[in-house]
N, C-alpha and C. Protein backbone atom coordinates (compact mmCIF):
# COMPACT_ATOMS: atom_id res chain seq x y z
N MET A 1 165.25 98.40 124.41
CA MET A 1 164.03 99.07 124.80
C MET A 1 163.35 99.80 123.65
N PRO A 2 164.09 100.45 122.76
CA PRO A 2 163.42 101.16 121.68
C PRO A 2 162.61 100.23 120.79
N ALA A 3 163.05 98.98 120.60
CA ALA A 3 162.30 98.04 119.76
C ALA A 3 160.96 97.71 120.39
N SER A 4 160.94 97.52 121.72
CA SER A 4 159.68 97.20 122.40
C SER A 4 158.78 98.43 122.43
N ASN A 5 159.36 99.62 122.53
CA ASN A 5 158.59 100.85 122.51
C ASN A 5 157.93 101.05 121.14
N THR A 6 158.66 100.74 120.09
CA THR A 6 158.12 100.85 118.73
C THR A 6 157.00 99.84 118.53
N LYS A 7 157.20 98.64 119.06
CA LYS A 7 156.18 97.60 118.94
C LYS A 7 154.90 98.01 119.68
N ASP A 8 155.05 98.63 120.85
CA ASP A 8 153.88 99.09 121.60
C ASP A 8 153.13 100.18 120.83
N ARG A 9 153.87 101.08 120.20
CA ARG A 9 153.21 102.13 119.41
C ARG A 9 152.48 101.54 118.20
N GLU A 10 153.09 100.57 117.56
CA GLU A 10 152.44 99.91 116.42
C GLU A 10 151.17 99.19 116.87
N ARG A 11 151.25 98.55 118.02
CA ARG A 11 150.10 97.84 118.57
C ARG A 11 148.98 98.84 118.90
N ALA A 12 149.35 99.96 119.52
CA ALA A 12 148.35 100.98 119.86
C ALA A 12 147.72 101.56 118.60
N ALA A 13 148.53 101.78 117.56
CA ALA A 13 147.99 102.31 116.30
C ALA A 13 147.03 101.30 115.66
N LEU A 14 147.39 100.02 115.70
CA LEU A 14 146.53 98.98 115.14
C LEU A 14 145.22 98.89 115.91
N LEU A 15 145.30 98.92 117.23
CA LEU A 15 144.08 98.90 118.05
C LEU A 15 143.20 100.09 117.74
N ASN A 16 143.82 101.25 117.58
CA ASN A 16 143.06 102.46 117.27
C ASN A 16 142.34 102.32 115.93
N ARG A 17 143.02 101.75 114.93
CA ARG A 17 142.39 101.56 113.62
C ARG A 17 141.21 100.60 113.71
N TYR A 18 141.37 99.50 114.48
CA TYR A 18 140.26 98.55 114.66
C TYR A 18 139.08 99.23 115.34
N GLU A 19 139.34 99.98 116.39
CA GLU A 19 138.27 100.66 117.12
C GLU A 19 137.57 101.69 116.23
N GLU A 20 138.35 102.43 115.43
CA GLU A 20 137.74 103.39 114.52
C GLU A 20 136.88 102.68 113.49
N PHE A 21 137.35 101.55 112.99
CA PHE A 21 136.59 100.78 112.01
C PHE A 21 135.25 100.34 112.60
N ILE A 22 135.30 99.87 113.84
CA ILE A 22 134.05 99.44 114.50
C ILE A 22 133.13 100.63 114.73
N ASN A 23 133.66 101.69 115.33
CA ASN A 23 132.82 102.82 115.74
C ASN A 23 132.39 103.74 114.60
N LEU A 24 133.21 103.87 113.58
CA LEU A 24 132.89 104.82 112.51
C LEU A 24 132.29 104.15 111.27
N LYS A 25 132.48 102.85 111.14
CA LYS A 25 131.98 102.17 109.94
C LYS A 25 130.92 101.11 110.28
N LEU A 26 131.29 100.14 111.10
CA LEU A 26 130.40 99.00 111.32
C LEU A 26 129.16 99.36 112.14
N LYS A 27 129.35 100.04 113.27
CA LYS A 27 128.19 100.37 114.11
C LYS A 27 127.20 101.29 113.40
N PRO A 28 127.64 102.35 112.71
CA PRO A 28 126.66 103.16 111.96
C PRO A 28 125.95 102.35 110.86
N ASN A 29 126.69 101.47 110.18
CA ASN A 29 126.06 100.62 109.16
C ASN A 29 125.01 99.70 109.78
N LEU A 30 125.32 99.16 110.95
CA LEU A 30 124.38 98.29 111.64
C LEU A 30 123.12 99.07 112.02
N LYS A 31 123.31 100.27 112.55
CA LYS A 31 122.15 101.09 112.94
C LYS A 31 121.29 101.44 111.73
N THR A 32 121.92 101.81 110.63
CA THR A 32 121.18 102.15 109.41
C THR A 32 120.39 100.95 108.90
N THR A 33 121.01 99.79 108.92
CA THR A 33 120.35 98.57 108.45
C THR A 33 119.17 98.20 109.34
N LEU A 34 119.36 98.28 110.65
CA LEU A 34 118.28 97.94 111.57
C LEU A 34 117.15 98.97 111.50
N ASP A 35 117.48 100.24 111.32
CA ASP A 35 116.44 101.27 111.17
C ASP A 35 115.61 101.03 109.91
N ALA A 36 116.28 100.66 108.82
CA ALA A 36 115.57 100.38 107.57
C ALA A 36 114.65 99.17 107.74
N ARG A 37 115.14 98.15 108.42
CA ARG A 37 114.32 96.97 108.67
C ARG A 37 113.11 97.31 109.54
N ASP A 38 113.32 98.13 110.58
CA ASP A 38 112.22 98.52 111.45
C ASP A 38 111.17 99.33 110.69
N GLN A 39 111.61 100.17 109.77
CA GLN A 39 110.68 100.94 108.95
C GLN A 39 109.84 100.01 108.09
N ILE A 40 110.45 98.98 107.56
CA ILE A 40 109.72 98.00 106.75
C ILE A 40 108.70 97.28 107.62
N TYR A 41 109.10 96.90 108.84
CA TYR A 41 108.16 96.24 109.75
C TYR A 41 106.97 97.15 110.07
N GLU A 42 107.21 98.44 110.22
CA GLU A 42 106.11 99.38 110.47
C GLU A 42 105.16 99.42 109.28
N THR A 43 105.71 99.40 108.08
CA THR A 43 104.88 99.40 106.87
C THR A 43 104.06 98.11 106.78
N ILE A 44 104.68 96.99 107.09
CA ILE A 44 103.96 95.71 107.10
C ILE A 44 102.81 95.78 108.10
N SER A 45 103.07 96.35 109.26
CA SER A 45 102.04 96.48 110.29
C SER A 45 100.86 97.32 109.79
N GLU A 46 101.16 98.40 109.08
CA GLU A 46 100.08 99.24 108.53
C GLU A 46 99.25 98.46 107.52
N TYR A 47 99.88 97.69 106.67
CA TYR A 47 99.14 96.88 105.70
C TYR A 47 98.30 95.81 106.39
N GLN A 48 98.83 95.23 107.47
CA GLN A 48 98.06 94.23 108.20
C GLN A 48 96.84 94.85 108.87
N LYS A 49 97.01 96.07 109.39
CA LYS A 49 95.85 96.77 109.98
C LYS A 49 94.79 97.03 108.91
N LEU A 50 95.23 97.46 107.74
CA LEU A 50 94.29 97.72 106.65
C LEU A 50 93.57 96.44 106.25
N LYS A 51 94.29 95.35 106.16
CA LYS A 51 93.67 94.07 105.80
C LYS A 51 92.64 93.66 106.84
N THR A 52 92.95 93.87 108.11
CA THR A 52 92.01 93.56 109.18
C THR A 52 90.74 94.39 109.04
N GLN A 53 90.91 95.68 108.73
CA GLN A 53 89.74 96.56 108.54
C GLN A 53 88.90 96.10 107.34
N ILE A 54 89.55 95.72 106.27
CA ILE A 54 88.83 95.24 105.09
C ILE A 54 88.03 93.99 105.44
N GLU A 55 88.65 93.06 106.15
CA GLU A 55 87.97 91.83 106.55
C GLU A 55 86.78 92.14 107.45
N LEU A 56 86.93 93.12 108.34
CA LEU A 56 85.85 93.53 109.22
C LEU A 56 84.68 94.09 108.41
N ILE A 57 84.99 94.92 107.43
CA ILE A 57 83.95 95.48 106.55
C ILE A 57 83.22 94.36 105.82
N GLN A 58 83.97 93.38 105.32
CA GLN A 58 83.37 92.28 104.57
C GLN A 58 82.54 91.36 105.47
N GLU A 59 83.05 91.07 106.67
CA GLU A 59 82.33 90.18 107.59
C GLU A 59 80.99 90.76 108.00
N HIS A 60 80.96 92.06 108.25
CA HIS A 60 79.73 92.71 108.71
C HIS A 60 78.91 93.28 107.57
N ASP A 61 79.35 93.02 106.35
CA ASP A 61 78.63 93.47 105.15
C ASP A 61 78.25 94.95 105.27
N MET A 62 79.23 95.76 105.58
CA MET A 62 79.00 97.19 105.77
C MET A 62 79.03 97.90 104.42
N SER A 63 77.96 98.59 104.10
CA SER A 63 77.93 99.34 102.85
C SER A 63 78.39 100.78 103.05
N GLU A 64 78.33 101.26 104.29
CA GLU A 64 78.86 102.58 104.65
C GLU A 64 79.36 102.50 106.08
N MET A 65 80.17 103.48 106.46
CA MET A 65 80.73 103.43 107.81
C MET A 65 81.22 104.80 108.25
N LYS A 66 81.34 104.95 109.56
CA LYS A 66 81.98 106.13 110.15
C LYS A 66 83.29 105.67 110.75
N THR A 67 84.28 106.52 110.63
CA THR A 67 85.61 106.16 111.13
C THR A 67 86.36 107.42 111.53
N MET A 68 87.50 107.22 112.15
CA MET A 68 88.39 108.32 112.51
C MET A 68 89.61 108.25 111.59
N VAL A 69 90.00 109.40 111.04
CA VAL A 69 91.11 109.47 110.11
C VAL A 69 92.23 110.30 110.73
N ASP A 70 93.45 109.77 110.70
CA ASP A 70 94.61 110.48 111.22
C ASP A 70 95.11 111.44 110.15
N LEU A 71 95.05 112.74 110.44
CA LEU A 71 95.53 113.74 109.49
C LEU A 71 97.03 113.97 109.64
N GLY A 72 97.63 113.36 110.62
CA GLY A 72 99.06 113.52 110.88
C GLY A 72 99.28 113.95 112.31
N THR A 73 100.39 113.53 112.85
CA THR A 73 100.80 113.84 114.23
C THR A 73 99.69 113.57 115.25
N GLN A 74 99.03 112.41 115.07
CA GLN A 74 97.99 111.95 115.99
C GLN A 74 96.81 112.93 116.09
N PHE A 75 96.52 113.64 115.01
CA PHE A 75 95.36 114.54 114.94
C PHE A 75 94.28 113.84 114.13
N TYR A 76 93.19 113.42 114.80
CA TYR A 76 92.16 112.64 114.17
C TYR A 76 90.90 113.47 113.93
N VAL A 77 90.22 113.14 112.84
CA VAL A 77 88.92 113.73 112.55
C VAL A 77 87.96 112.61 112.19
N GLN A 78 86.67 112.87 112.42
CA GLN A 78 85.67 111.88 112.09
C GLN A 78 85.37 111.94 110.59
N ALA A 79 85.21 110.78 109.99
CA ALA A 79 84.92 110.72 108.56
C ALA A 79 83.76 109.75 108.31
N HIS A 80 83.00 110.06 107.29
CA HIS A 80 81.89 109.19 106.88
C HIS A 80 82.22 108.63 105.51
N VAL A 81 82.18 107.31 105.39
CA VAL A 81 82.45 106.64 104.12
C VAL A 81 81.10 106.16 103.59
N PRO A 82 80.56 106.82 102.55
CA PRO A 82 79.23 106.47 102.07
C PRO A 82 79.17 105.16 101.28
N ASP A 83 80.31 104.73 100.69
CA ASP A 83 80.34 103.51 99.89
C ASP A 83 81.65 102.78 100.15
N THR A 84 81.54 101.58 100.72
CA THR A 84 82.74 100.81 101.05
C THR A 84 83.08 99.78 99.97
N GLN A 85 82.47 99.90 98.81
CA GLN A 85 82.73 98.94 97.74
C GLN A 85 84.17 99.05 97.23
N TYR A 86 84.71 100.27 97.20
CA TYR A 86 86.07 100.50 96.73
C TYR A 86 86.91 101.14 97.82
N ILE A 87 88.21 100.93 97.69
CA ILE A 87 89.15 101.50 98.65
C ILE A 87 90.39 101.97 97.89
N TYR A 88 90.97 103.04 98.35
CA TYR A 88 92.22 103.53 97.76
C TYR A 88 93.38 103.07 98.64
N VAL A 89 94.36 102.45 98.00
CA VAL A 89 95.51 101.90 98.72
C VAL A 89 96.78 102.56 98.20
N ASN A 90 97.62 102.97 99.13
CA ASN A 90 98.93 103.52 98.78
C ASN A 90 99.80 102.36 98.29
N VAL A 91 100.16 102.42 97.01
CA VAL A 91 100.96 101.33 96.43
C VAL A 91 102.44 101.68 96.38
N GLY A 92 102.80 102.85 96.85
CA GLY A 92 104.19 103.27 96.88
C GLY A 92 104.46 104.44 95.98
N PHE A 93 105.52 105.14 96.26
CA PHE A 93 105.96 106.30 95.47
C PHE A 93 104.89 107.39 95.39
N GLY A 94 104.02 107.45 96.40
CA GLY A 94 103.00 108.48 96.44
C GLY A 94 101.77 108.18 95.59
N PHE A 95 101.69 107.00 95.02
CA PHE A 95 100.55 106.64 94.18
C PHE A 95 99.52 105.86 94.99
N HIS A 96 98.25 106.17 94.75
CA HIS A 96 97.14 105.47 95.37
C HIS A 96 96.29 104.87 94.27
N VAL A 97 95.89 103.62 94.45
CA VAL A 97 95.12 102.90 93.44
C VAL A 97 93.78 102.50 94.04
N GLN A 98 92.73 102.65 93.23
CA GLN A 98 91.41 102.24 93.66
C GLN A 98 91.26 100.74 93.43
N PHE A 99 90.92 100.02 94.50
CA PHE A 99 90.73 98.58 94.44
C PHE A 99 89.34 98.24 94.99
N THR A 100 88.82 97.09 94.56
CA THR A 100 87.70 96.51 95.29
C THR A 100 88.32 95.93 96.57
N LEU A 101 87.47 95.55 97.51
CA LEU A 101 88.01 95.03 98.77
C LEU A 101 88.81 93.74 98.54
N ASP A 102 88.31 92.87 97.67
CA ASP A 102 89.04 91.62 97.39
C ASP A 102 90.36 91.90 96.68
N GLU A 103 90.35 92.83 95.75
CA GLU A 103 91.59 93.20 95.05
C GLU A 103 92.60 93.79 96.03
N ALA A 104 92.11 94.60 96.96
CA ALA A 104 93.00 95.21 97.95
C ALA A 104 93.63 94.14 98.84
N LYS A 105 92.83 93.15 99.25
CA LYS A 105 93.40 92.07 100.08
C LYS A 105 94.46 91.29 99.31
N ALA A 106 94.20 91.03 98.03
CA ALA A 106 95.19 90.30 97.22
C ALA A 106 96.47 91.13 97.07
N PHE A 107 96.31 92.44 96.84
CA PHE A 107 97.49 93.31 96.73
C PHE A 107 98.26 93.34 98.04
N ILE A 108 97.54 93.44 99.15
CA ILE A 108 98.20 93.50 100.46
C ILE A 108 98.99 92.22 100.71
N ASP A 109 98.43 91.07 100.35
CA ASP A 109 99.15 89.81 100.54
C ASP A 109 100.46 89.82 99.76
N LYS A 110 100.41 90.25 98.51
CA LYS A 110 101.63 90.31 97.68
C LYS A 110 102.62 91.33 98.25
N LYS A 111 102.10 92.47 98.67
CA LYS A 111 102.97 93.53 99.19
C LYS A 111 103.64 93.07 100.49
N GLU A 112 102.89 92.39 101.35
CA GLU A 112 103.46 91.88 102.60
C GLU A 112 104.60 90.90 102.33
N LYS A 113 104.40 90.00 101.35
CA LYS A 113 105.45 89.04 101.01
C LYS A 113 106.70 89.76 100.52
N HIS A 114 106.49 90.76 99.66
CA HIS A 114 107.62 91.52 99.14
C HIS A 114 108.34 92.26 100.27
N LEU A 115 107.57 92.93 101.12
CA LEU A 115 108.19 93.68 102.23
C LEU A 115 108.89 92.74 103.21
N GLN A 116 108.31 91.56 103.44
CA GLN A 116 108.95 90.60 104.34
C GLN A 116 110.28 90.13 103.78
N SER A 117 110.34 89.94 102.46
CA SER A 117 111.62 89.53 101.85
C SER A 117 112.66 90.64 102.00
N LEU A 118 112.22 91.89 101.87
CA LEU A 118 113.15 93.01 102.09
C LEU A 118 113.62 93.06 103.54
N ALA A 119 112.70 92.84 104.47
CA ALA A 119 113.06 92.84 105.89
C ALA A 119 114.03 91.70 106.19
N ASP A 120 113.80 90.55 105.59
CA ASP A 120 114.70 89.41 105.79
C ASP A 120 116.10 89.73 105.27
N LYS A 121 116.16 90.42 104.13
CA LYS A 121 117.46 90.81 103.57
C LYS A 121 118.19 91.75 104.53
N HIS A 122 117.45 92.71 105.10
CA HIS A 122 118.07 93.63 106.06
C HIS A 122 118.52 92.87 107.32
N SER A 123 117.76 91.87 107.73
CA SER A 123 118.16 91.07 108.89
C SER A 123 119.46 90.30 108.59
N GLN A 124 119.55 89.75 107.39
CA GLN A 124 120.78 89.05 107.00
C GLN A 124 121.96 90.02 106.95
N ASP A 125 121.73 91.21 106.42
CA ASP A 125 122.79 92.22 106.38
C ASP A 125 123.24 92.58 107.79
N ALA A 126 122.27 92.74 108.70
CA ALA A 126 122.59 93.08 110.09
C ALA A 126 123.39 91.95 110.74
N ASP A 127 123.01 90.72 110.46
CA ASP A 127 123.76 89.57 111.01
C ASP A 127 125.19 89.56 110.49
N ARG A 128 125.36 89.88 109.20
CA ARG A 128 126.69 89.92 108.62
C ARG A 128 127.53 91.03 109.26
N ILE A 129 126.92 92.19 109.50
CA ILE A 129 127.65 93.29 110.14
C ILE A 129 128.02 92.92 111.57
N ARG A 130 127.10 92.27 112.29
CA ARG A 130 127.41 91.83 113.65
C ARG A 130 128.58 90.85 113.64
N ALA A 131 128.61 89.97 112.64
CA ALA A 131 129.72 89.01 112.53
C ALA A 131 131.04 89.75 112.28
N HIS A 132 131.00 90.80 111.45
CA HIS A 132 132.21 91.59 111.23
C HIS A 132 132.67 92.28 112.52
N ILE A 133 131.71 92.78 113.28
CA ILE A 133 132.06 93.42 114.55
C ILE A 133 132.72 92.39 115.47
N LYS A 134 132.14 91.20 115.54
CA LYS A 134 132.69 90.15 116.40
C LYS A 134 134.10 89.77 115.94
N MET A 135 134.29 89.62 114.63
CA MET A 135 135.63 89.27 114.12
C MET A 135 136.64 90.38 114.43
N THR A 136 136.21 91.62 114.35
CA THR A 136 137.12 92.72 114.65
C THR A 136 137.49 92.73 116.13
N PHE A 137 136.51 92.43 116.99
CA PHE A 137 136.83 92.34 118.41
C PHE A 137 137.79 91.18 118.68
N GLU A 138 137.63 90.09 117.96
CA GLU A 138 138.56 88.97 118.11
C GLU A 138 139.96 89.36 117.64
N ALA A 139 140.03 90.15 116.58
CA ALA A 139 141.34 90.64 116.10
C ALA A 139 141.97 91.53 117.16
N ILE A 140 141.16 92.35 117.80
CA ILE A 140 141.67 93.22 118.87
C ILE A 140 142.23 92.38 120.02
N SER A 141 141.49 91.33 120.38
CA SER A 141 141.96 90.49 121.49
C SER A 141 143.26 89.77 121.13
N GLU A 142 143.43 89.42 119.85
CA GLU A 142 144.68 88.80 119.43
C GLU A 142 145.83 89.78 119.50
N VAL A 143 145.59 91.03 119.14
CA VAL A 143 146.63 92.05 119.21
C VAL A 143 147.04 92.29 120.67
N LEU A 144 146.08 92.21 121.57
CA LEU A 144 146.37 92.45 122.98
C LEU A 144 147.15 91.32 123.63
N GLN A 145 147.17 90.15 123.02
CA GLN A 145 147.89 89.02 123.62
C GLN A 145 149.36 89.05 123.31
């Protein structure tokens, strides 16, 4: 009986280590990876909205316009843009660059491709983490048999 009791304790300890690995390492890593990917998708969405606005300005040949500007936390104010020939675009790291509308569209296309490749990398990382979780659950099921 003591040998089977020792084996049960070893099995319980092994199961506990697998569960801790899943809950303390893999699941938080998966959440972090998916959150980072979602943030990238939000940034891509913002660039796509900007590109749509630029195309709208170009289609209607607008030389000036009125718009609403979000100052933060959904607080909007009305703004008048006297000259739509140039636009300032956030290029990252807190820097804004003045572009013509065509230059801005070209930059947005390149930025979207770059961000999409980053999002794809995060998706691959998430898939790899999910595979590790699945393999760990399979290891748990083997221990239980």
